[in-house]
């Protein structure tokens, strides 16, 4: 469809011209020069995005006929449940299903914004039936009625008898399918995305209420509620009040968001590739800002509607390597990178090794182990004998705790070893810090002990109310940053809000200052807003101190 859909629908219209050109070369154009072609390869991508077309907002429900038209328009499914069929391009290539759905190029709102050299026209019923007709680059015609619309869709002929542009498929819609599609086009300009009501906007999140992350979940809930209350006190977003809808698990979210639809998600716990929350995001098609996960998906694949604010384990380790290299002031770094031999830890370790090599480390050994086989004592003894002074760690908390305990047992005359750990997995190291003789440095995407540069009124209110948690300050700042980014994008989207407009606004953010962390930048191919970290030193009494400014990764 359009560039606003980022990695998903953009290729649909961009690739049309390429495929049409190929067919022209092999099949010729001739009498088929008025036909339209849709690319084949996008069939695997489109269903991931069409899922978000879902239901419409409460109070804006579609009739059965309009629902049938919506399925044709967005999902490529006819009233009988069969895939939509079309002949496309100069070679009359048969295609079917979602790949030839109208919304691919004309957009979910029917406005048909340009993409590359393809310029899909607006096809809301108001636009199609303008009494003065339409003037195109090479043809003009009068307004459509239902009969003329059916003839154009099935035969590729406009009301004046002109052949339509060759990028328009030729369908074979039945009379009932045409009636359903027209009924939906008549409603298209008034249909709102789920979660939007006249004076309100529902935003969802997924926060655990049990297990080891329950306390952090409650801490995030408190600051999100406080931030939304702050925004609402100051007029909301385009006179809409924000309402936070909280689910406690992905399964709970499916039920809760079905009963009370939400427009987007903010700071859900999870969102790493292949976890339960990422499946929820993919299935629901909800734009999501700031998933709280140490493993962001930067590929722009199935999770391309997720906008991550925080860097992953690999970026945090790379920032720690940069910091360690600056500490030795040009001397060669004697380092080892330790990781569990499974993802995401191993990939993060590779990133650290590559970064270390760029700094000319004297040694950048990567040592891995399999689950349950970590022998911390033997490993520390080996590293001590080899003269390693810096350890970069990527592994589960139980192995980190064993490493910290083993470091405590180094002989008194042994060289102290500095340990560097990404903040998302550092809890065990912080808990055992008192027993560890060397230095401990932790990478945080936000300053865990600092106040924000923006919204002093909000910050003071948070401190007075006791909402801020020392133990969970970092994750609270991450959630506040996500909420600030979401609200800014909603404001930029305008009163005529849609999920597509929200995605487009998010992609347009460049070095946006939230006041709760580093500047955030997104783009059509950029889904991690800040690449880098602060480095925090933690002493043996458990005191945190900022050891570096923001370390930006190029």
Protein backbone atom coordinates (compact mmCIF):
# COMPACT_ATOMS: atom_id res chain seq x y z
CA UNK A 1 0.00 0.00 0.00
CA UNK A 2 1.61 3.18 1.20
CA UNK A 3 4.84 4.31 2.78
CA UNK A 4 3.04 4.88 6.07
CA UNK A 5 2.79 1.14 6.52
CA UNK A 6 6.57 0.83 6.72
CA UNK A 7 7.88 -2.58 5.84
CA UNK A 8 4.47 -4.14 5.24
CA UNK A 9 2.17 -2.59 2.70
CA UNK A 10 4.64 -0.20 1.11
CA UNK A 11 6.11 -2.89 -1.17
CA UNK A 12 2.67 -3.75 -2.56
CA UNK A 13 2.41 -0.68 -4.77
CA UNK A 14 6.14 -0.08 -5.09
CA UNK A 15 6.69 -3.48 -6.69
CA UNK A 16 3.71 -3.30 -9.02
CA UNK A 17 5.61 -1.34 -11.64
CA UNK A 18 8.57 -3.72 -11.49
CA UNK A 19 6.41 -6.79 -12.06
CA UNK A 20 4.36 -5.08 -14.77
CA UNK A 21 7.56 -4.13 -16.56
CA UNK A 22 8.73 -7.75 -16.51
CA UNK A 23 5.44 -8.97 -17.98
CA UNK A 24 5.59 -6.29 -20.66
CA UNK A 25 8.98 -7.53 -21.76
CA UNK A 26 7.84 -11.13 -22.09
CA UNK A 27 4.14 -10.88 -22.98
CA UNK A 28 3.82 -7.49 -24.67
CA UNK A 29 1.27 -4.87 -23.72
CA UNK A 30 -1.13 -4.52 -26.62
CA UNK A 31 -4.81 -4.45 -25.69
CA UNK A 32 -4.01 -5.09 -22.01
CA UNK A 33 -2.32 -1.74 -21.40
CA UNK A 34 -5.22 -0.65 -19.21
CA UNK A 35 -4.81 -3.44 -16.69
CA UNK A 36 -3.39 -3.45 -13.22
CA UNK A 37 -0.86 -5.80 -11.66
CA UNK A 38 -0.27 -6.62 -8.01
CA UNK A 39 3.06 -8.20 -6.99
CA UNK A 40 3.14 -11.85 -6.08
CA UNK A 41 5.74 -11.86 -3.31
CA UNK A 42 3.72 -9.72 -0.92
CA UNK A 43 1.14 -12.48 -0.41
CA UNK A 44 3.24 -13.78 2.47
CA UNK A 45 3.48 -10.36 4.15
CA UNK A 46 0.06 -8.82 3.76
CA UNK A 47 -1.96 -11.10 6.06
CA UNK A 48 0.24 -9.96 8.95
CA UNK A 49 -1.01 -6.42 8.52
CA UNK A 50 -4.58 -7.08 7.41
CA UNK A 51 -5.24 -8.52 10.87
CA UNK A 52 -5.39 -5.01 12.26
CA UNK A 53 -8.42 -4.07 10.16
CA UNK A 54 -10.49 -6.06 12.70
CA UNK A 55 -13.58 -4.60 14.25
CA UNK A 56 -14.60 -0.97 14.13
CA UNK A 57 -14.99 1.33 17.08
CA UNK A 58 -17.85 0.92 19.51
CA UNK A 59 -20.87 2.89 18.38
CA UNK A 60 -19.67 2.68 14.76
CA UNK A 61 -20.59 -0.94 14.00
CA UNK A 62 -21.03 -2.12 10.43
CA UNK A 63 -24.10 -3.90 9.11
CA UNK A 64 -23.78 -7.47 7.85
CA UNK A 65 -23.65 -6.18 4.25
CA UNK A 66 -20.99 -3.61 5.13
CA UNK A 67 -18.96 -6.24 6.99
CA UNK A 68 -19.02 -8.39 3.86
CA UNK A 69 -17.78 -5.42 1.85
CA UNK A 70 -15.03 -4.78 4.38
CA UNK A 71 -13.80 -8.37 3.98
CA UNK A 72 -13.60 -7.88 0.22
CA UNK A 73 -11.88 -4.51 0.53
CA UNK A 74 -9.31 -5.36 3.21
CA UNK A 75 -9.00 -9.15 3.37
CA UNK A 76 -9.66 -10.23 -0.21
CA UNK A 77 -12.47 -12.60 0.81
CA UNK A 78 -15.81 -12.60 -1.03
CA UNK A 79 -19.26 -12.91 0.52
CA UNK A 80 -19.25 -16.67 -0.12
CA UNK A 81 -16.01 -17.04 1.82
CA UNK A 82 -13.95 -17.69 -1.29
CA UNK A 83 -10.71 -15.78 -1.98
CA UNK A 84 -11.09 -12.74 -4.20
CA UNK A 85 -9.91 -13.52 -7.75
CA UNK A 86 -8.47 -11.21 -10.38
CA UNK A 87 -6.57 -11.21 -13.68
CA UNK A 88 -3.71 -8.77 -13.46
CA UNK A 89 -1.18 -7.18 -15.76
CA UNK A 90 -0.50 -7.47 -19.45
CA UNK A 91 -0.19 -11.23 -19.20
CA UNK A 92 -3.57 -11.72 -17.49
CA UNK A 93 -1.86 -13.36 -14.56
CA UNK A 94 -4.41 -14.93 -12.19
CA UNK A 95 -4.04 -13.96 -8.51
CA UNK A 96 -6.32 -14.46 -5.56
CA UNK A 97 -6.93 -13.62 -1.92
CA UNK A 98 -5.40 -10.88 0.18
CA UNK A 99 -2.78 -10.02 -2.42
CA UNK A 100 -5.47 -8.44 -4.65
CA UNK A 101 -7.51 -6.79 -1.87
CA UNK A 102 -8.49 -3.21 -2.67
CA UNK A 103 -6.95 -1.77 0.49
CA UNK A 104 -3.42 -2.74 -0.56
CA UNK A 105 -3.05 0.29 -2.80
CA UNK A 106 -6.12 2.42 -2.09
CA UNK A 107 -5.40 2.29 1.65
CA UNK A 108 -7.58 1.33 4.61
CA UNK A 109 -9.22 4.77 4.39
CA UNK A 110 -9.70 4.61 0.60
CA UNK A 111 -7.71 7.77 -0.02
CA UNK A 112 -5.08 6.16 -2.23
CA UNK A 113 -1.96 8.14 -1.45
CA UNK A 114 0.86 7.96 -4.06
CA UNK A 115 3.56 5.31 -3.72
CA UNK A 116 6.56 5.52 -6.04
CA UNK A 117 5.21 5.98 -9.60
CA UNK A 118 1.85 4.40 -8.74
CA UNK A 119 -0.91 6.91 -7.89
CA UNK A 120 -3.99 5.02 -6.66
CA UNK A 121 -7.03 7.35 -6.70
CA UNK A 122 -9.35 7.96 -3.79
CA UNK A 123 -12.26 5.50 -3.92
CA UNK A 124 -14.51 6.56 -1.07
CA UNK A 125 -18.08 6.64 -2.39
CA UNK A 126 -18.19 10.41 -1.92
CA UNK A 127 -15.18 10.77 -4.22
CA UNK A 128 -16.39 8.28 -6.84
CA UNK A 129 -19.79 9.95 -7.17
CA UNK A 130 -18.70 13.61 -7.39
CA UNK A 131 -21.23 15.18 -9.80
CA UNK A 132 -18.55 16.89 -11.88
CA UNK A 133 -16.72 13.63 -12.49
CA UNK A 134 -12.96 13.06 -12.60
CA UNK A 135 -10.03 14.25 -14.68
CA UNK A 136 -6.97 11.98 -14.84
CA UNK A 137 -3.68 12.47 -16.65
CA UNK A 138 -4.80 10.69 -19.85
CA UNK A 139 -8.58 10.46 -19.53
CA UNK A 140 -11.66 12.03 -17.97
CA UNK A 141 -15.11 10.71 -17.13
CA UNK A 142 -18.31 11.47 -15.26
CA UNK A 143 -19.35 10.23 -11.83
CA UNK A 144 -19.76 6.55 -11.01
CA UNK A 145 -22.99 4.89 -10.01
CA UNK A 146 -23.33 1.30 -8.85
CA UNK A 147 -23.62 -0.06 -12.40
CA UNK A 148 -20.65 1.95 -13.69
CA UNK A 149 -18.61 0.94 -10.66
CA UNK A 150 -19.31 -2.76 -11.26
CA UNK A 151 -18.30 -2.40 -14.92
CA UNK A 152 -15.04 -0.65 -13.96
CA UNK A 153 -14.14 -3.25 -11.35
CA UNK A 154 -14.91 -6.27 -13.51
CA UNK A 155 -14.08 -5.01 -17.02
CA UNK A 156 -11.62 -2.17 -16.43
CA UNK A 157 -13.72 0.46 -18.26
CA UNK A 158 -14.60 3.87 -16.76
CA UNK A 159 -18.00 5.63 -17.20
CA UNK A 160 -16.75 7.36 -20.40
CA UNK A 161 -15.62 4.09 -22.00
CA UNK A 162 -11.90 4.61 -21.34
CA UNK A 163 -9.67 1.69 -20.46
CA UNK A 164 -8.39 2.01 -16.90
CA UNK A 165 -4.71 2.23 -16.07
CA UNK A 166 -2.81 -1.05 -16.47
CA UNK A 167 -2.16 -1.20 -12.73
CA UNK A 168 -5.85 -1.99 -12.03
CA UNK A 169 -6.86 -5.67 -11.67
CA UNK A 170 -9.88 -7.12 -13.49
CA UNK A 171 -12.11 -8.85 -10.97
CA UNK A 172 -15.09 -11.14 -11.32
CA UNK A 173 -17.38 -9.90 -8.56
CA UNK A 174 -20.94 -11.15 -8.32
CA UNK A 175 -23.81 -8.69 -8.02
CA UNK A 176 -24.06 -9.35 -4.28
CA UNK A 177 -20.31 -8.79 -3.84
CA UNK A 178 -20.55 -5.48 -5.71
CA UNK A 179 -23.46 -4.41 -3.50
CA UNK A 180 -21.47 -5.32 -0.38
CA UNK A 181 -18.35 -3.50 -1.56
CA UNK A 182 -20.33 -0.37 -2.46
CA UNK A 183 -22.05 -0.47 0.95
CA UNK A 184 -18.65 -0.51 2.64
CA UNK A 185 -17.26 2.26 0.43
CA UNK A 186 -20.22 4.41 1.48
CA UNK A 187 -19.17 3.93 5.12
CA UNK A 188 -15.43 4.06 4.55
CA UNK A 189 -14.92 7.75 5.33
CA UNK A 190 -16.78 7.46 8.65
CA UNK A 191 -15.34 4.17 9.93
CA UNK A 192 -12.97 4.61 12.85
CA UNK A 193 -10.27 2.27 14.03
CA UNK A 194 -11.00 0.35 17.24
CA UNK A 195 -10.35 2.19 20.48
CA UNK A 196 -11.38 5.63 19.19
CA UNK A 197 -14.46 7.23 20.71
CA UNK A 198 -15.65 10.80 20.30
CA UNK A 199 -14.19 12.10 23.56
CA UNK A 200 -11.76 9.32 24.40
CA UNK A 201 -8.97 7.06 23.21
CA UNK A 202 -8.23 3.65 24.72
CA UNK A 203 -4.60 2.57 24.95
CA UNK A 204 -3.76 -0.95 26.08
CA UNK A 205 -0.82 -2.57 27.80
CA UNK A 206 0.15 -6.01 29.11
CA UNK A 207 1.65 -6.01 32.61
CA UNK A 208 2.14 -9.17 34.71
CA UNK A 209 0.39 -9.35 38.08
CA UNK A 210 2.16 -12.48 39.30
CA UNK A 211 5.61 -14.03 39.12
CA UNK A 212 9.03 -12.37 39.37
CA UNK A 213 8.05 -9.40 37.17
CA UNK A 214 4.84 -8.54 39.08
CA UNK A 215 6.41 -5.76 41.15
CA UNK A 216 7.91 -4.16 38.05
CA UNK A 217 4.53 -4.48 36.34
CA UNK A 218 2.81 -2.62 39.17
CA UNK A 219 5.50 0.07 39.06
CA UNK A 220 4.91 0.58 35.32
CA UNK A 221 1.14 0.64 35.81
CA UNK A 222 1.51 3.44 38.36
CA UNK A 223 3.59 5.72 36.14
CA UNK A 224 1.47 5.08 33.03
CA UNK A 225 -1.70 5.96 34.92
CA UNK A 226 0.00 9.04 36.35
CA UNK A 227 1.22 10.16 32.92
CA UNK A 228 -2.19 9.69 31.28
CA UNK A 229 -3.81 11.59 34.15
CA UNK A 230 -1.28 14.40 33.62
CA UNK A 231 -2.07 14.53 29.87
CA UNK A 232 -5.83 14.49 30.54
CA UNK A 233 -5.56 17.33 33.07
CA UNK A 234 -3.92 19.38 30.34
CA UNK A 235 -6.65 18.84 27.76
CA UNK A 236 -5.93 15.31 26.56
CA UNK A 237 -4.97 14.72 22.94
CA UNK A 238 -7.13 16.73 20.52
CA UNK A 239 -9.82 16.92 23.22
CA UNK A 240 -9.79 13.15 23.72
CA UNK A 241 -9.10 11.71 27.16
CA UNK A 242 -6.64 8.82 27.31
CA UNK A 243 -7.82 5.66 29.03
CA UNK A 244 -5.38 2.90 29.98
CA UNK A 245 -6.73 -0.65 29.56
CA UNK A 246 -4.53 -3.17 31.37
CA UNK A 247 -4.27 -6.89 30.65
CA UNK A 248 -2.15 -9.19 32.79
CA UNK A 249 -1.14 -11.68 30.09
CA UNK A 250 -1.42 -12.15 26.32
CA UNK A 251 -4.40 -14.49 26.77
CA UNK A 252 -6.09 -11.99 29.06
CA UNK A 253 -5.37 -9.26 26.49
CA UNK A 254 -7.17 -11.15 23.73
CA UNK A 255 -10.32 -11.34 25.85
CA UNK A 256 -10.08 -7.89 27.40
CA UNK A 257 -9.26 -6.04 24.18
CA UNK A 258 -12.06 -7.88 22.41
CA UNK A 259 -14.56 -6.65 25.03
CA UNK A 260 -12.98 -3.20 25.20
CA UNK A 261 -11.08 -2.52 21.95
CA UNK A 262 -7.88 -0.48 22.18
CA UNK A 263 -6.28 1.74 19.56
CA UNK A 264 -2.62 0.94 20.32
CA UNK A 265 -0.37 -0.54 22.99
CA UNK A 266 2.22 1.14 25.17
CA UNK A 267 5.03 -0.53 27.13
CA UNK A 268 3.76 -4.12 27.26
CA UNK A 269 6.06 -6.56 29.03
CA UNK A 270 7.48 -8.66 26.20
CA UNK A 271 7.64 -8.24 22.46
CA UNK A 272 10.77 -10.22 21.66
CA UNK A 273 10.56 -12.31 18.48
CA UNK A 274 8.59 -15.52 19.05
CA UNK A 275 7.36 -14.76 22.56
CA UNK A 276 3.67 -14.75 23.52
CA UNK A 277 3.38 -10.97 23.50
CA UNK A 278 4.92 -10.71 20.02
CA UNK A 279 2.34 -13.21 18.77
CA UNK A 280 -0.37 -11.01 20.27
CA UNK A 281 1.09 -7.97 18.50
CA UNK A 282 1.29 -9.80 15.18
CA UNK A 283 -2.20 -11.28 15.41
CA UNK A 284 -3.88 -8.07 16.56
CA UNK A 285 -1.99 -5.68 14.29
CA UNK A 286 -1.86 -3.11 17.09
CA UNK A 287 0.74 -0.35 16.74
CA UNK A 288 2.91 -0.71 19.83
CA UNK A 289 5.25 1.85 21.37
CA UNK A 290 8.02 0.83 23.74
CA UNK A 291 7.68 -2.93 24.30
CA UNK A 292 9.66 -3.73 27.44
CA UNK A 293 11.97 -6.47 26.22
CA UNK A 294 15.74 -6.90 26.13
CA UNK A 295 15.41 -8.39 22.64
CA UNK A 296 13.85 -5.88 20.24
CA UNK A 297 13.04 -7.03 16.73
CA UNK A 298 14.86 -4.57 14.45
CA UNK A 299 14.23 -6.54 11.26
CA UNK A 300 11.01 -4.79 10.22
CA UNK A 301 9.39 -8.20 9.71
CA UNK A 302 6.24 -9.48 11.41
CA UNK A 303 6.74 -7.05 14.30
CA UNK A 304 7.17 -3.95 12.12
CA UNK A 305 4.26 -2.25 13.91
CA UNK A 306 6.29 -2.39 17.14
CA UNK A 307 8.39 0.70 17.84
CA UNK A 308 11.09 -0.10 20.36
CA UNK A 309 12.62 2.71 22.39
CA UNK A 310 15.35 0.77 24.08
CA UNK A 311 18.34 -0.98 22.56
CA UNK A 312 18.73 -4.72 22.90
CA UNK A 313 21.35 -6.76 24.72
CA UNK A 314 23.78 -6.49 21.82
CA UNK A 315 23.65 -2.70 21.65
CA UNK A 316 24.02 -2.45 25.43
CA UNK A 317 27.08 -4.72 25.38
CA UNK A 318 28.54 -2.69 22.49
CA UNK A 319 28.13 0.51 24.53
CA UNK A 320 29.87 -1.20 27.45
CA UNK A 321 32.75 -2.16 25.18
CA UNK A 322 33.05 1.46 24.04
CA UNK A 323 33.06 2.56 27.68
CA UNK A 324 35.69 -0.02 28.69
CA UNK A 325 37.91 1.02 25.76
CA UNK A 326 37.70 4.64 26.91
CA UNK A 327 38.74 3.62 30.42
CA UNK A 328 42.02 2.09 29.27
CA UNK A 329 42.84 5.31 27.39
CA UNK A 330 44.25 3.85 24.22
CA UNK A 331 45.82 0.76 25.80
CA UNK A 332 44.81 -2.63 24.50
CA UNK A 333 41.81 -4.18 26.23
CA UNK A 334 42.26 -7.64 27.74
CA UNK A 335 38.68 -8.86 27.56
CA UNK A 336 36.52 -11.94 27.40
CA UNK A 337 32.91 -12.16 26.27
CA UNK A 338 30.89 -14.83 28.07
CA UNK A 339 27.51 -16.00 26.81
CA UNK A 340 25.05 -18.82 26.93
CA UNK A 341 25.18 -20.62 23.59
CA UNK A 342 21.59 -19.76 22.70
CA UNK A 343 19.72 -16.71 21.47
CA UNK A 344 19.43 -13.88 22.27
CA UNK A 345 22.60 -14.12 24.34
CA UNK A 346 24.90 -15.54 21.69
CA UNK A 347 23.99 -12.91 19.12
CA UNK A 348 24.59 -10.17 21.71
CA UNK A 349 27.99 -11.69 22.44
CA UNK A 350 28.91 -11.64 18.75
CA UNK A 351 28.05 -7.95 18.68
CA UNK A 352 30.36 -7.32 21.65
CA UNK A 353 33.21 -9.33 20.10
CA UNK A 354 32.96 -7.41 16.84
CA UNK A 355 32.89 -4.12 18.71
CA UNK A 356 35.89 -5.15 20.75
CA UNK A 357 37.84 -6.03 17.62
CA UNK A 358 37.14 -2.56 16.23
CA UNK A 359 38.78 -1.12 19.33
CA UNK A 360 41.84 -3.33 18.82
CA UNK A 361 41.37 -5.45 21.91
CA UNK A 362 44.40 -7.48 22.87
CA UNK A 363 42.05 -10.36 23.45
CA UNK A 364 38.35 -10.68 22.68
CA UNK A 365 37.68 -14.30 23.46
CA UNK A 366 34.10 -15.49 23.24
CA UNK A 367 33.34 -18.32 25.61
CA UNK A 368 29.99 -20.07 25.46
CA UNK A 369 28.25 -22.85 27.34
CA UNK A 370 25.04 -24.79 27.06
CA UNK A 371 22.10 -24.50 29.41
CA UNK A 372 22.86 -26.08 32.79
CA UNK A 373 26.58 -26.63 32.12
CA UNK A 374 28.06 -23.33 33.32
CA UNK A 375 31.13 -23.99 35.51
CA UNK A 376 31.77 -20.49 36.83
CA UNK A 377 34.64 -21.40 39.16
CA UNK A 378 36.66 -23.14 36.43
CA UNK A 379 35.97 -20.35 33.97
CA UNK A 380 37.03 -17.57 36.36
CA UNK A 381 40.22 -19.48 37.21
CA UNK A 382 40.99 -19.85 33.51
CA UNK A 383 40.36 -16.17 32.80
CA UNK A 384 42.44 -15.08 35.78
CA UNK A 385 45.38 -17.19 34.62
CA UNK A 386 45.08 -15.68 31.15
CA UNK A 387 45.28 -12.14 32.49
CA UNK A 388 41.76 -11.12 31.49
CA UNK A 389 40.78 -7.88 33.23
CA UNK A 390 37.35 -7.19 31.67
CA UNK A 391 34.41 -9.59 31.36
CA UNK A 392 31.36 -8.81 29.23
CA UNK A 393 28.47 -11.07 30.17
CA UNK A 394 25.35 -12.19 28.28
CA UNK A 395 23.45 -15.00 29.92
CA UNK A 396 20.64 -15.89 32.34
CA UNK A 397 20.50 -14.62 35.90
CA UNK A 398 21.35 -17.94 37.53
CA UNK A 399 24.63 -18.14 35.59
CA UNK A 400 25.40 -14.49 36.35
CA UNK A 401 24.89 -15.12 40.06
CA UNK A 402 27.29 -18.08 39.86
CA UNK A 403 29.86 -15.90 38.07
CA UNK A 404 29.65 -13.18 40.74
CA UNK A 405 30.11 -15.80 43.48
CA UNK A 406 33.14 -17.25 41.66
CA UNK A 407 34.71 -13.80 41.29
CA UNK A 408 34.41 -13.41 45.06
CA UNK A 409 36.59 -16.49 45.52
CA UNK A 410 39.55 -15.17 43.52
CA UNK A 411 42.78 -15.14 45.56
CA UNK A 412 43.55 -11.86 47.30
CA UNK A 413 46.65 -11.39 45.17
CA UNK A 414 44.75 -11.95 41.91
CA UNK A 415 44.10 -9.05 39.58
CA UNK A 416 40.58 -7.72 40.12
CA UNK A 417 38.30 -8.32 37.16
CA UNK A 418 35.76 -5.71 36.05
CA UNK A 419 32.35 -7.05 35.08
CA UNK A 420 30.13 -5.41 32.44
CA UNK A 421 26.46 -6.41 32.18
CA UNK A 422 23.41 -5.14 30.24
CA UNK A 423 20.86 -3.64 32.62
CA UNK A 424 18.07 -5.98 31.53
CA UNK A 425 19.91 -9.00 32.98
CA UNK A 426 21.95 -7.34 35.74
CA UNK A 427 19.74 -8.08 38.76
CA UNK A 428 21.83 -11.02 40.01
CA UNK A 429 25.06 -9.03 39.73
CA UNK A 430 23.56 -6.11 41.66
CA UNK A 431 22.23 -8.44 44.34
CA UNK A 432 25.65 -10.04 44.81
CA UNK A 433 27.65 -6.85 44.41
CA UNK A 434 28.85 -6.68 48.02
CA UNK A 435 30.82 -9.91 47.66
CA UNK A 436 32.42 -9.03 44.33
CA UNK A 437 35.94 -7.55 44.59
CA UNK A 438 36.21 -5.95 41.15
CA UNK A 439 34.18 -3.16 39.59
CA UNK A 440 30.66 -3.59 38.24
CA UNK A 441 29.37 -1.54 35.32
CA UNK A 442 25.81 -1.83 34.03
CA UNK A 443 24.37 -0.43 30.79
CA UNK A 444 21.01 1.32 31.09
CA UNK A 445 19.01 2.86 28.24
CA UNK A 446 17.80 5.47 30.79
CA UNK A 447 19.49 7.06 33.78
CA UNK A 448 18.12 5.01 36.70
CA UNK A 449 18.90 7.58 39.39
CA UNK A 450 18.24 10.81 37.51
CA UNK A 451 15.16 12.93 37.11
CA UNK A 452 13.88 13.95 33.69
CA UNK A 453 14.64 17.16 31.84
CA UNK A 454 11.00 17.65 30.85
CA UNK A 455 7.59 17.73 32.57
CA UNK A 456 8.82 18.98 35.97
CA UNK A 457 5.21 19.27 37.16
CA UNK A 458 4.62 15.59 36.43
CA UNK A 459 7.93 14.55 37.96
CA UNK A 460 7.27 16.45 41.17
CA UNK A 461 3.82 14.88 41.40
CA UNK A 462 5.32 11.41 40.91
CA UNK A 463 7.87 11.99 43.65
CA UNK A 464 5.31 13.45 46.08
CA UNK A 465 2.93 10.53 45.57
CA UNK A 466 5.60 7.91 46.09
CA UNK A 467 4.88 6.46 42.64
CA UNK A 468 8.54 6.34 41.68
CA UNK A 469 10.34 3.19 42.73
CA UNK A 470 14.08 3.12 43.37
CA UNK A 471 14.19 -0.58 42.59
CA UNK A 472 12.24 -0.23 39.34
CA UNK A 473 13.24 3.31 38.34
CA UNK A 474 14.82 2.24 35.04
CA UNK A 475 11.74 0.40 33.77
CA UNK A 476 9.49 3.23 34.97
CA UNK A 477 11.55 5.76 32.99
CA UNK A 478 11.34 3.50 29.95
CA UNK A 479 7.54 3.39 30.27
CA UNK A 480 7.33 7.17 30.72
CA UNK A 481 9.48 7.64 27.64
CA UNK A 482 7.20 5.33 25.64
CA UNK A 483 4.12 7.19 26.84
CA UNK A 484 5.67 10.53 25.84
CA UNK A 485 6.52 9.22 22.37
CA UNK A 486 3.02 7.81 21.90
CA UNK A 487 1.33 11.05 22.97
CA UNK A 488 3.54 13.11 20.66
CA UNK A 489 2.76 10.83 17.71
CA UNK A 490 -0.97 10.99 18.52
CA UNK A 491 -0.80 14.77 18.51
CA UNK A 492 1.02 14.80 15.19
CA UNK A 493 -1.59 12.42 13.73
CA UNK A 494 -4.30 15.06 14.12
CA UNK A 495 -7.92 14.87 15.20
CA UNK A 496 -8.81 12.66 12.22
CA UNK A 497 -6.96 9.79 13.85
CA UNK A 498 -6.20 6.37 12.40
CA UNK A 499 -3.67 3.67 13.12
CA UNK A 500 -2.12 4.29 9.74
CA UNK A 501 -1.68 7.98 10.63
CA UNK A 502 -0.14 6.98 13.97
CA UNK A 503 2.42 4.73 12.27
CA UNK A 504 3.22 7.50 9.81
CA UNK A 505 3.69 9.99 12.66
CA UNK A 506 5.95 7.60 14.58
CA UNK A 507 8.07 7.06 11.50
CA UNK A 508 8.43 10.84 11.22
CA UNK A 509 9.95 11.32 14.69
CA UNK A 510 13.57 12.48 14.50
CA UNK A 511 15.64 13.12 17.63
CA UNK A 512 12.48 13.71 19.63
CA UNK A 513 13.27 14.73 23.21
CA UNK A 514 10.97 12.97 25.66
CA UNK A 515 12.67 14.31 28.78
CA UNK A 516 12.85 10.78 30.20
CA UNK A 517 15.77 9.42 28.19
CA UNK A 518 17.88 9.96 25.10
CA UNK A 519 16.44 11.48 21.89
CA UNK A 520 14.27 9.08 19.91
CA UNK A 521 14.34 8.65 16.12
CA UNK A 522 12.30 6.29 13.96
CA UNK A 523 11.81 5.89 10.23
CA UNK A 524 10.26 3.57 7.63
CA UNK A 525 13.15 1.14 8.14
CA UNK A 526 14.10 2.07 11.70
CA UNK A 527 12.29 0.49 14.62
CA UNK A 528 14.73 1.05 17.50
CA UNK A 529 14.48 4.63 18.67
CA UNK A 530 17.75 4.96 20.58
CA UNK A 531 20.90 2.95 19.92
CA UNK A 532 23.30 3.19 22.82
CA UNK A 533 23.26 3.33 26.62
CA UNK A 534 24.32 5.14 29.73
CA UNK A 535 26.84 3.28 31.86
CA UNK A 536 26.29 3.16 35.61
CA UNK A 537 28.88 2.11 38.19
CA UNK A 538 27.56 0.20 41.21
CA UNK A 539 29.81 0.10 44.29
CA UNK A 540 29.95 -2.62 46.94
CA UNK A 541 27.42 -0.76 49.09
CA UNK A 542 24.92 -0.89 46.27
CA UNK A 543 25.19 2.80 45.40
CA UNK A 544 24.58 3.78 41.77
CA UNK A 545 26.61 6.53 40.08
CA UNK A 546 26.57 7.64 36.47
CA UNK A 547 29.87 6.58 34.88
CA UNK A 548 29.27 7.97 31.39
CA UNK A 549 27.08 10.25 29.39
CA UNK A 550 24.90 8.66 26.71
CA UNK A 551 27.10 6.48 24.51
CA UNK A 552 25.69 6.66 20.98
CA UNK A 553 26.36 3.72 18.67
CA UNK A 554 26.90 4.55 15.03
